[in-house]
N, C-alpha and C. Protein backbone atom coordinates (compact mmCIF):
# COMPACT_ATOMS: atom_id res chain seq x y z
N MET A 1 10.09 21.69 -46.28
CA MET A 1 10.02 22.30 -44.93
C MET A 1 8.98 21.77 -44.09
N HIS A 2 7.83 21.40 -44.80
CA HIS A 2 6.60 20.79 -44.07
C HIS A 2 6.98 19.49 -43.45
N ARG A 3 7.90 18.71 -44.21
CA ARG A 3 8.32 17.38 -43.84
C ARG A 3 9.12 17.47 -42.57
N TYR A 4 10.02 18.57 -42.55
CA TYR A 4 11.02 18.76 -41.39
C TYR A 4 10.17 19.09 -40.17
N THR A 5 9.14 19.88 -40.29
CA THR A 5 8.25 20.27 -39.14
C THR A 5 7.54 19.12 -38.66
N SER A 6 7.10 18.29 -39.50
CA SER A 6 6.34 17.00 -39.11
C SER A 6 7.24 16.09 -38.34
N ILE A 7 8.49 15.94 -38.79
CA ILE A 7 9.45 15.04 -38.00
C ILE A 7 9.76 15.66 -36.74
N CYS A 8 9.94 16.98 -36.62
CA CYS A 8 10.18 17.56 -35.28
C CYS A 8 9.09 17.39 -34.34
N LEU A 9 7.83 17.61 -34.88
CA LEU A 9 6.65 17.48 -34.04
C LEU A 9 6.48 16.00 -33.52
N LEU A 10 6.74 15.07 -34.43
CA LEU A 10 6.67 13.63 -34.20
C LEU A 10 7.70 13.35 -32.96
N LEU A 11 8.84 13.73 -33.11
CA LEU A 11 9.90 13.55 -32.13
C LEU A 11 9.56 14.14 -30.78
N LEU A 12 8.95 15.32 -30.74
CA LEU A 12 8.57 15.98 -29.50
C LEU A 12 7.49 15.15 -28.86
N LEU A 13 6.48 14.76 -29.65
CA LEU A 13 5.38 14.03 -29.06
C LEU A 13 5.78 12.64 -28.54
N SER A 14 6.65 11.99 -29.24
CA SER A 14 7.23 10.65 -28.70
C SER A 14 7.99 10.87 -27.48
N GLY A 15 8.65 11.96 -27.29
CA GLY A 15 9.31 12.24 -26.04
C GLY A 15 8.38 12.38 -24.91
N CYS A 16 7.23 13.04 -25.13
CA CYS A 16 6.25 13.22 -24.10
C CYS A 16 5.66 11.86 -23.73
N GLY A 17 5.44 11.03 -24.68
CA GLY A 17 4.98 9.69 -24.41
C GLY A 17 5.85 8.86 -23.51
N LEU A 18 7.19 9.07 -23.69
CA LEU A 18 8.08 8.29 -22.91
C LEU A 18 8.11 8.94 -21.41
N ASP A 19 7.94 10.18 -21.33
CA ASP A 19 7.81 10.88 -19.98
C ASP A 19 6.56 10.32 -19.28
N VAL A 20 5.48 10.27 -19.92
CA VAL A 20 4.25 9.75 -19.26
C VAL A 20 4.36 8.26 -18.91
N ALA A 21 4.98 7.51 -19.80
CA ALA A 21 5.20 6.08 -19.38
C ALA A 21 6.08 5.96 -18.10
N SER A 22 7.10 6.73 -18.20
CA SER A 22 8.00 6.75 -16.98
C SER A 22 7.27 7.15 -15.77
N SER A 23 6.48 8.25 -15.76
CA SER A 23 5.75 8.65 -14.68
C SER A 23 4.77 7.55 -14.21
N ALA A 24 4.13 6.93 -15.11
CA ALA A 24 3.20 5.85 -14.76
C ALA A 24 3.90 4.73 -14.06
N ALA A 25 5.02 4.35 -14.55
CA ALA A 25 5.86 3.31 -13.92
C ALA A 25 6.25 3.70 -12.51
N THR A 26 6.68 4.86 -12.28
CA THR A 26 7.08 5.40 -11.02
C THR A 26 5.82 5.36 -10.07
N GLY A 27 4.81 5.83 -10.56
CA GLY A 27 3.48 5.93 -9.79
C GLY A 27 3.05 4.50 -9.39
N ALA A 28 3.18 3.51 -10.27
CA ALA A 28 2.85 2.14 -10.03
C ALA A 28 3.80 1.51 -8.85
N ALA A 29 5.06 1.89 -8.97
CA ALA A 29 5.95 1.36 -7.97
C ALA A 29 5.66 1.95 -6.57
N THR A 30 5.29 3.27 -6.55
CA THR A 30 4.90 3.92 -5.34
C THR A 30 3.64 3.28 -4.79
N LYS A 31 2.70 3.01 -5.57
CA LYS A 31 1.50 2.39 -5.17
C LYS A 31 1.73 1.06 -4.50
N ALA A 32 2.65 0.24 -5.22
CA ALA A 32 2.95 -1.12 -4.71
C ALA A 32 3.59 -1.01 -3.42
N GLU A 33 4.51 -0.03 -3.20
CA GLU A 33 5.13 0.09 -1.82
C GLU A 33 4.15 0.53 -0.75
N GLU A 34 3.05 1.42 -1.14
CA GLU A 34 2.07 1.81 -0.26
C GLU A 34 1.28 0.56 0.18
N ILE A 35 0.92 -0.30 -0.76
CA ILE A 35 0.14 -1.51 -0.49
C ILE A 35 0.95 -2.39 0.50
N LYS A 36 2.29 -2.66 0.24
CA LYS A 36 3.01 -3.42 1.10
C LYS A 36 3.01 -2.87 2.54
N GLN A 37 3.22 -1.56 2.66
CA GLN A 37 3.18 -0.85 3.96
C GLN A 37 1.85 -1.10 4.65
N ALA A 38 0.82 -0.95 3.92
CA ALA A 38 -0.58 -1.13 4.42
C ALA A 38 -0.81 -2.56 4.94
N GLU A 39 -0.33 -3.52 4.18
CA GLU A 39 -0.45 -4.89 4.68
C GLU A 39 0.32 -5.13 5.94
N LYS A 40 1.52 -4.53 5.97
CA LYS A 40 2.31 -4.70 7.19
C LYS A 40 1.59 -4.01 8.31
N THR A 41 1.02 -2.92 8.21
CA THR A 41 0.32 -2.22 9.27
C THR A 41 -0.85 -3.03 9.62
N LYS A 42 -1.59 -3.62 8.76
CA LYS A 42 -2.70 -4.41 9.03
C LYS A 42 -2.40 -5.61 9.87
N GLU A 43 -1.24 -6.32 9.54
CA GLU A 43 -0.78 -7.51 10.19
C GLU A 43 -0.37 -7.14 11.66
N GLN A 44 0.30 -5.99 11.81
CA GLN A 44 0.63 -5.54 13.17
C GLN A 44 -0.59 -5.27 14.00
N PHE A 45 -1.53 -4.65 13.43
CA PHE A 45 -2.79 -4.38 14.07
C PHE A 45 -3.59 -5.64 14.57
N GLN A 46 -3.58 -6.56 13.62
CA GLN A 46 -4.20 -7.87 13.85
C GLN A 46 -3.52 -8.60 15.01
N GLN A 47 -2.20 -8.55 15.11
CA GLN A 47 -1.46 -9.11 16.17
C GLN A 47 -1.77 -8.53 17.51
N ARG A 48 -1.87 -7.20 17.44
CA ARG A 48 -2.18 -6.48 18.69
C ARG A 48 -3.66 -6.74 19.17
N LEU A 49 -4.55 -6.87 18.20
CA LEU A 49 -5.93 -7.19 18.51
C LEU A 49 -6.04 -8.52 19.12
N ASP A 50 -5.29 -9.58 18.54
CA ASP A 50 -5.34 -10.88 19.03
C ASP A 50 -4.80 -11.04 20.48
N ALA A 51 -3.74 -10.25 20.70
CA ALA A 51 -3.12 -10.28 21.99
C ALA A 51 -4.16 -9.60 23.03
N ALA A 52 -4.81 -8.55 22.65
CA ALA A 52 -5.76 -7.90 23.55
C ALA A 52 -7.01 -8.81 23.75
N ASN A 53 -7.35 -9.54 22.72
CA ASN A 53 -8.50 -10.51 23.01
C ASN A 53 -8.10 -11.65 23.91
N GLN A 54 -6.85 -12.08 23.81
CA GLN A 54 -6.41 -13.14 24.69
C GLN A 54 -6.30 -12.68 26.11
N ALA A 55 -5.83 -11.40 26.24
CA ALA A 55 -5.72 -10.94 27.62
C ALA A 55 -7.10 -10.73 28.26
N ALA A 56 -8.15 -10.26 27.49
CA ALA A 56 -9.42 -10.16 27.95
C ALA A 56 -10.05 -11.51 28.26
N GLN A 57 -9.86 -12.51 27.47
CA GLN A 57 -10.26 -13.87 27.72
C GLN A 57 -9.67 -14.37 29.10
N LYS A 58 -8.42 -14.15 29.15
CA LYS A 58 -7.75 -14.61 30.44
C LYS A 58 -8.30 -13.84 31.64
N GLN A 59 -8.66 -12.61 31.50
CA GLN A 59 -9.14 -11.85 32.63
C GLN A 59 -10.55 -12.36 32.99
N ARG A 60 -11.38 -12.70 31.92
CA ARG A 60 -12.70 -13.23 32.17
C ARG A 60 -12.68 -14.60 32.92
N GLU A 61 -11.70 -15.43 32.46
CA GLU A 61 -11.53 -16.67 33.17
C GLU A 61 -11.17 -16.55 34.60
N GLU A 62 -10.23 -15.62 34.80
CA GLU A 62 -9.88 -15.33 36.29
C GLU A 62 -10.99 -14.88 37.09
N MET A 63 -11.79 -13.97 36.51
CA MET A 63 -13.00 -13.44 37.13
C MET A 63 -14.08 -14.51 37.49
N GLU A 64 -14.16 -15.44 36.54
CA GLU A 64 -15.17 -16.49 36.74
C GLU A 64 -14.70 -17.47 37.86
N LYS A 65 -13.30 -17.76 37.92
CA LYS A 65 -12.78 -18.58 38.93
C LYS A 65 -12.99 -17.86 40.32
N ALA A 66 -12.79 -16.61 40.37
CA ALA A 66 -12.85 -15.87 41.64
C ALA A 66 -14.37 -15.86 42.07
N ALA A 67 -15.18 -15.82 41.16
CA ALA A 67 -16.67 -15.69 41.53
C ALA A 67 -17.23 -17.08 41.85
N ASN A 68 -16.65 -18.11 41.39
CA ASN A 68 -17.13 -19.51 41.67
C ASN A 68 -15.98 -20.37 42.28
N PRO A 69 -15.69 -20.12 43.64
CA PRO A 69 -14.59 -20.86 44.20
C PRO A 69 -14.90 -22.36 44.37
C-alpha cells in the first residue's frame, strides 16, 4: 500500500513539474514578444526624433540665411 501511495505522489508531482515548465516556456515567449515590440517602438521613436532634428536644423539654416543676406 505504501508503494502505491508513493507512486501516486510521484506521478502527481511530476505532473506539476510539467505544468511549471509549460508556464515558464509560455512566459518566456511572451517576454520575447514584448522585447520585439519594445525594439520596434524604440526604432519608430528614433526615426521621429531624427526627422524632428533634421527639421530643426533646416529651420536654423533658413533663419541664419534670413539674418545674413
